[in-house]
Amino acid sequence: VELVMLLAVPESVKEDHLLILKELAELLVEEKFTERLLKACTREEIYRLFKEGYPDGGEVR
């Protein structure tokens, strides 16, 4: 196992978890993104990667 992800959403928006999982899967199938994620050493680097991973630079959920 190289990566373990945890998804926690508030009860009030629990339906959003499927959209979040979809977006996460789309990012993780990109080899370049996954390579950079595995090389990240800090949570700030990881956050930046996810933020930059969205085509529109949208907010990380």
PDB file of N, CA and C in Angstrom:
ATOM      1  N   VAL A   1       0.850  -1.174   0.000  1.00  0.00           N
ATOM      2  CA  VAL A   1       0.000   0.000   0.000  1.00  0.00           C
ATOM      3  C   VAL A   1       0.892   1.232   0.000  1.00  0.00           C
ATOM      4  N   GLU A   2       0.673   2.115  -0.942  1.00  0.00           N
ATOM      5  CA  GLU A   2       1.457   3.344  -1.007  1.00  0.00           C
ATOM      6  C   GLU A   2       0.693   4.546  -0.467  1.00  0.00           C
ATOM      7  N   LEU A   3      -0.604   4.554  -0.640  1.00  0.00           N
ATOM      8  CA  LEU A   3      -1.420   5.681  -0.193  1.00  0.00           C
ATOM      9  C   LEU A   3      -2.656   5.181   0.539  1.00  0.00           C
ATOM     10  N   VAL A   4      -3.000   5.878   1.589  1.00  0.00           N
ATOM     11  CA  VAL A   4      -4.252   5.631   2.296  1.00  0.00           C
ATOM     12  C   VAL A   4      -4.954   6.973   2.403  1.00  0.00           C
ATOM     13  N   MET A   5      -6.192   7.033   1.983  1.00  0.00           N
ATOM     14  CA  MET A   5      -6.966   8.275   2.034  1.00  0.00           C
ATOM     15  C   MET A   5      -8.116   8.108   3.015  1.00  0.00           C
ATOM     16  N   LEU A   6      -8.415   9.176   3.714  1.00  0.00           N
ATOM     17  CA  LEU A   6      -9.552   9.215   4.628  1.00  0.00           C
ATOM     18  C   LEU A   6     -10.452  10.337   4.170  1.00  0.00           C
ATOM     19  N   LEU A   7     -11.728  10.038   4.053  1.00  0.00           N
ATOM     20  CA  LEU A   7     -12.703  11.040   3.641  1.00  0.00           C
ATOM     21  C   LEU A   7     -13.707  11.204   4.764  1.00  0.00           C
ATOM     22  N   ALA A   8     -13.756  12.383   5.330  1.00  0.00           N
ATOM     23  CA  ALA A   8     -14.707  12.683   6.400  1.00  0.00           C
ATOM     24  C   ALA A   8     -15.545  13.877   5.965  1.00  0.00           C
ATOM     25  N   VAL A   9     -16.852  13.705   5.976  1.00  0.00           N
ATOM     26  CA  VAL A   9     -17.754  14.798   5.598  1.00  0.00           C
ATOM     27  C   VAL A   9     -18.797  14.989   6.687  1.00  0.00           C
ATOM     28  N   PRO A  10     -19.229  16.221   6.884  1.00  0.00           N
ATOM     29  CA  PRO A  10     -20.273  16.470   7.878  1.00  0.00           C
ATOM     30  C   PRO A  10     -21.573  15.769   7.493  1.00  0.00           C
ATOM     31  N   GLU A  11     -22.345  15.402   8.471  1.00  0.00           N
ATOM     32  CA  GLU A  11     -23.637  14.743   8.253  1.00  0.00           C
ATOM     33  C   GLU A  11     -24.520  15.563   7.317  1.00  0.00           C
ATOM     34  N   SER A  12     -24.428  16.884   7.408  1.00  0.00           N
ATOM     35  CA  SER A  12     -25.297  17.765   6.619  1.00  0.00           C
ATOM     36  C   SER A  12     -25.009  17.724   5.120  1.00  0.00           C
ATOM     37  N   VAL A  13     -23.841  17.257   4.716  1.00  0.00           N
ATOM     38  CA  VAL A  13     -23.493  17.201   3.293  1.00  0.00           C
ATOM     39  C   VAL A  13     -23.011  15.812   2.888  1.00  0.00           C
ATOM     40  N   LYS A  14     -23.539  14.809   3.527  1.00  0.00           N
ATOM     41  CA  LYS A  14     -23.038  13.453   3.291  1.00  0.00           C
ATOM     42  C   LYS A  14     -23.189  12.991   1.847  1.00  0.00           C
ATOM     43  N   GLU A  15     -24.132  13.594   1.094  1.00  0.00           N
ATOM     44  CA  GLU A  15     -24.296  13.199  -0.309  1.00  0.00           C
ATOM     45  C   GLU A  15     -23.108  13.643  -1.158  1.00  0.00           C
ATOM     46  N   ASP A  16     -22.385  14.654  -0.694  1.00  0.00           N
ATOM     47  CA  ASP A  16     -21.243  15.167  -1.445  1.00  0.00           C
ATOM     48  C   ASP A  16     -20.081  14.184  -1.504  1.00  0.00           C
ATOM     49  N   HIS A  17     -20.087  13.177  -0.662  1.00  0.00           N
ATOM     50  CA  HIS A  17     -18.941  12.263  -0.631  1.00  0.00           C
ATOM     51  C   HIS A  17     -18.721  11.562  -1.966  1.00  0.00           C
ATOM     52  N   LEU A  18     -19.777  11.293  -2.715  1.00  0.00           N
ATOM     53  CA  LEU A  18     -19.607  10.634  -4.013  1.00  0.00           C
ATOM     54  C   LEU A  18     -18.910  11.555  -5.010  1.00  0.00           C
ATOM     55  N   LEU A  19     -19.266  12.825  -4.993  1.00  0.00           N
ATOM     56  CA  LEU A  19     -18.604  13.789  -5.871  1.00  0.00           C
ATOM     57  C   LEU A  19     -17.134  13.939  -5.486  1.00  0.00           C
ATOM     58  N   ILE A  20     -16.870  13.997  -4.198  1.00  0.00           N
ATOM     59  CA  ILE A  20     -15.490  14.122  -3.726  1.00  0.00           C
ATOM     60  C   ILE A  20     -14.682  12.886  -4.117  1.00  0.00           C
ATOM     61  N   LEU A  21     -15.260  11.699  -3.958  1.00  0.00           N
ATOM     62  CA  LEU A  21     -14.570  10.463  -4.359  1.00  0.00           C
ATOM     63  C   LEU A  21     -14.278  10.447  -5.852  1.00  0.00           C
ATOM     64  N   LYS A  22     -15.225  10.927  -6.654  1.00  0.00           N
ATOM     65  CA  LYS A  22     -15.039  10.996  -8.103  1.00  0.00           C
ATOM     66  C   LYS A  22     -13.863  11.906  -8.438  1.00  0.00           C
ATOM     67  N   GLU A  23     -13.836  13.084  -7.825  1.00  0.00           N
ATOM     68  CA  GLU A  23     -12.759  14.033  -8.089  1.00  0.00           C
ATOM     69  C   GLU A  23     -11.408  13.478  -7.628  1.00  0.00           C
ATOM     70  N   LEU A  24     -11.404  12.821  -6.493  1.00  0.00           N
ATOM     71  CA  LEU A  24     -10.176  12.211  -5.985  1.00  0.00           C
ATOM     72  C   LEU A  24      -9.676  11.128  -6.943  1.00  0.00           C
ATOM     73  N   ALA A  25     -10.575  10.294  -7.414  1.00  0.00           N
ATOM     74  CA  ALA A  25     -10.199   9.228  -8.350  1.00  0.00           C
ATOM     75  C   ALA A  25      -9.631   9.811  -9.641  1.00  0.00           C
ATOM     76  N   GLU A  26     -10.236  10.898 -10.133  1.00  0.00           N
ATOM     77  CA  GLU A  26      -9.745  11.528 -11.359  1.00  0.00           C
ATOM     78  C   GLU A  26      -8.321  12.052 -11.179  1.00  0.00           C
ATOM     79  N   LEU A  27      -8.030  12.584 -10.008  1.00  0.00           N
ATOM     80  CA  LEU A  27      -6.670  13.066  -9.746  1.00  0.00           C
ATOM     81  C   LEU A  27      -5.682  11.909  -9.634  1.00  0.00           C
ATOM     82  N   LEU A  28      -6.074  10.853  -8.946  1.00  0.00           N
ATOM     83  CA  LEU A  28      -5.149   9.758  -8.657  1.00  0.00           C
ATOM     84  C   LEU A  28      -4.823   8.890  -9.868  1.00  0.00           C
ATOM     85  N   VAL A  29      -5.640   8.936 -10.911  1.00  0.00           N
ATOM     86  CA  VAL A  29      -5.301   8.166 -12.113  1.00  0.00           C
ATOM     87  C   VAL A  29      -4.257   8.886 -12.962  1.00  0.00           C
ATOM     88  N   GLU A  30      -4.005  10.151 -12.647  1.00  0.00           N
ATOM     89  CA  GLU A  30      -2.968  10.906 -13.349  1.00  0.00           C
ATOM     90  C   GLU A  30      -1.608  10.533 -12.757  1.00  0.00           C
ATOM     91  N   GLU A  31      -0.790   9.858 -13.540  1.00  0.00           N
ATOM     92  CA  GLU A  31       0.496   9.355 -13.051  1.00  0.00           C
ATOM     93  C   GLU A  31       1.385  10.470 -12.502  1.00  0.00           C
ATOM     94  N   LYS A  32       1.431  11.592 -13.193  1.00  0.00           N
ATOM     95  CA  LYS A  32       2.276  12.703 -12.748  1.00  0.00           C
ATOM     96  C   LYS A  32       1.818  13.214 -11.381  1.00  0.00           C
ATOM     97  N   PHE A  33       0.511  13.330 -11.189  1.00  0.00           N
ATOM     98  CA  PHE A  33      -0.021  13.787  -9.907  1.00  0.00           C
ATOM     99  C   PHE A  33       0.351  12.802  -8.796  1.00  0.00           C
ATOM    100  N   THR A  34       0.150  11.514  -9.045  1.00  0.00           N
ATOM    101  CA  THR A  34       0.435  10.494  -8.033  1.00  0.00           C
ATOM    102  C   THR A  34       1.922  10.474  -7.676  1.00  0.00           C
ATOM    103  N   GLU A  35       2.789  10.606  -8.670  1.00  0.00           N
ATOM    104  CA  GLU A  35       4.230  10.648  -8.402  1.00  0.00           C
ATOM    105  C   GLU A  35       4.579  11.823  -7.500  1.00  0.00           C
ATOM    106  N   ARG A  36       4.027  12.982  -7.805  1.00  0.00           N
ATOM    107  CA  ARG A  36       4.300  14.172  -6.988  1.00  0.00           C
ATOM    108  C   ARG A  36       3.733  14.004  -5.584  1.00  0.00           C
ATOM    109  N   LEU A  37       2.578  13.377  -5.478  1.00  0.00           N
ATOM    110  CA  LEU A  37       1.961  13.155  -4.172  1.00  0.00           C
ATOM    111  C   LEU A  37       2.836  12.243  -3.311  1.00  0.00           C
ATOM    112  N   LEU A  38       3.366  11.196  -3.908  1.00  0.00           N
ATOM    113  CA  LEU A  38       4.215  10.262  -3.168  1.00  0.00           C
ATOM    114  C   LEU A  38       5.537  10.897  -2.727  1.00  0.00           C
ATOM    115  N   LYS A  39       5.987  11.908  -3.448  1.00  0.00           N
ATOM    116  CA  LYS A  39       7.236  12.589  -3.099  1.00  0.00           C
ATOM    117  C   LYS A  39       7.031  13.718  -2.086  1.00  0.00           C
ATOM    118  N   ALA A  40       5.795  14.110  -1.853  1.00  0.00           N
ATOM    119  CA  ALA A  40       5.515  15.218  -0.931  1.00  0.00           C
ATOM    120  C   ALA A  40       5.930  14.837   0.488  1.00  0.00           C
ATOM    121  N   CYS A  41       6.534  15.789   1.190  1.00  0.00           N
ATOM    122  CA  CYS A  41       7.038  15.521   2.542  1.00  0.00           C
ATOM    123  C   CYS A  41       6.230  16.202   3.642  1.00  0.00           C
ATOM    124  N   THR A  42       5.454  17.216   3.286  1.00  0.00           N
ATOM    125  CA  THR A  42       4.700  17.951   4.304  1.00  0.00           C
ATOM    126  C   THR A  42       3.228  18.011   3.930  1.00  0.00           C
ATOM    127  N   ARG A  43       2.400  18.275   4.908  1.00  0.00           N
ATOM    128  CA  ARG A  43       0.964  18.388   4.614  1.00  0.00           C
ATOM    129  C   ARG A  43       0.683  19.611   3.755  1.00  0.00           C
ATOM    130  N   GLU A  44       1.533  20.646   3.869  1.00  0.00           N
ATOM    131  CA  GLU A  44       1.368  21.829   3.030  1.00  0.00           C
ATOM    132  C   GLU A  44       1.609  21.484   1.563  1.00  0.00           C
ATOM    133  N   GLU A  45       2.611  20.661   1.302  1.00  0.00           N
ATOM    134  CA  GLU A  45       2.882  20.219  -0.070  1.00  0.00           C
ATOM    135  C   GLU A  45       1.710  19.402  -0.611  1.00  0.00           C
ATOM    136  N   ILE A  46       1.188  18.524   0.209  1.00  0.00           N
ATOM    137  CA  ILE A  46       0.059  17.685  -0.204  1.00  0.00           C
ATOM    138  C   ILE A  46      -1.155  18.554  -0.501  1.00  0.00           C
ATOM    139  N   TYR A  47      -1.444  19.510   0.378  1.00  0.00           N
ATOM    140  CA  TYR A  47      -2.576  20.416   0.169  1.00  0.00           C
ATOM    141  C   TYR A  47      -2.403  21.168  -1.146  1.00  0.00           C
ATOM    142  N   ARG A  48      -1.192  21.709  -1.381  1.00  0.00           N
ATOM    143  CA  ARG A  48      -0.925  22.457  -2.607  1.00  0.00           C
ATOM    144  C   ARG A  48      -1.129  21.579  -3.845  1.00  0.00           C
ATOM    145  N   LEU A  49      -0.688  20.333  -3.777  1.00  0.00           N
ATOM    146  CA  LEU A  49      -0.866  19.423  -4.912  1.00  0.00           C
ATOM    147  C   LEU A  49      -2.340  19.221  -5.242  1.00  0.00           C
ATOM    148  N   PHE A  50      -3.150  18.996  -4.211  1.00  0.00           N
ATOM    149  CA  PHE A  50      -4.580  18.819  -4.466  1.00  0.00           C
ATOM    150  C   PHE A  50      -5.199  20.106  -4.983  1.00  0.00           C
ATOM    151  N   LYS A  51      -4.801  21.234  -4.440  1.00  0.00           N
ATOM    152  CA  LYS A  51      -5.320  22.526  -4.894  1.00  0.00           C
ATOM    153  C   LYS A  51      -4.950  22.755  -6.350  1.00  0.00           C
ATOM    154  N   GLU A  52      -3.703  22.487  -6.711  1.00  0.00           N
ATOM    155  CA  GLU A  52      -3.242  22.665  -8.088  1.00  0.00           C
ATOM    156  C   GLU A  52      -3.794  21.595  -9.019  1.00  0.00           C
ATOM    157  N   GLY A  53      -4.196  20.457  -8.472  1.00  0.00           N
ATOM    158  CA  GLY A  53      -4.668  19.343  -9.288  1.00  0.00           C
ATOM    159  C   GLY A  53      -5.971  19.602  -9.993  1.00  0.00           C
ATOM    160  N   TYR A  54      -6.781  20.508  -9.425  1.00  0.00           N
ATOM    161  CA  TYR A  54      -8.053  20.823 -10.058  1.00  0.00           C
ATOM    162  C   TYR A  54      -7.817  21.783 -11.208  1.00  0.00           C
ATOM    163  N   PRO A  55      -8.385  21.487 -12.381  1.00  0.00           N
ATOM    164  CA  PRO A  55      -8.134  22.308 -13.566  1.00  0.00           C
ATOM    165  C   PRO A  55      -8.430  23.793 -13.354  1.00  0.00           C
ATOM    166  N   ASP A  56      -9.477  24.101 -12.603  1.00  0.00           N
ATOM    167  CA  ASP A  56      -9.843  25.502 -12.393  1.00  0.00           C
ATOM    168  C   ASP A  56      -9.206  26.081 -11.134  1.00  0.00           C
ATOM    169  N   GLY A  57      -8.327  25.308 -10.495  1.00  0.00           N
ATOM    170  CA  GLY A  57      -7.711  25.774  -9.257  1.00  0.00           C
ATOM    171  C   GLY A  57      -8.712  25.897  -8.130  1.00  0.00           C
ATOM    172  N   GLY A  58      -9.809  25.164  -8.259  1.00  0.00           N
ATOM    173  CA  GLY A  58     -10.902  25.245  -7.296  1.00  0.00           C
ATOM    174  C   GLY A  58     -10.518  24.833  -5.900  1.00  0.00           C
ATOM    175  N   GLU A  59     -11.405  25.124  -4.992  1.00  0.00           N
ATOM    176  CA  GLU A  59     -11.165  24.862  -3.581  1.00  0.00           C
ATOM    177  C   GLU A  59     -11.094  23.368  -3.284  1.00  0.00           C
ATOM    178  N   VAL A  60     -10.135  23.000  -2.480  1.00  0.00           N
ATOM    179  CA  VAL A  60     -10.031  21.626  -2.006  1.00  0.00           C
ATOM    180  C   VAL A  60     -11.130  21.410  -0.995  1.00  0.00           C
ATOM    181  N   ARG A  61     -11.844  20.318  -1.144  1.00  0.00           N
ATOM    182  CA  ARG A  61     -12.969  20.078  -0.229  1.00  0.00           C
ATOM    183  C   ARG A  61     -12.510  19.456   1.050  1.00  0.00           C
TER     184      ARG A  61
END
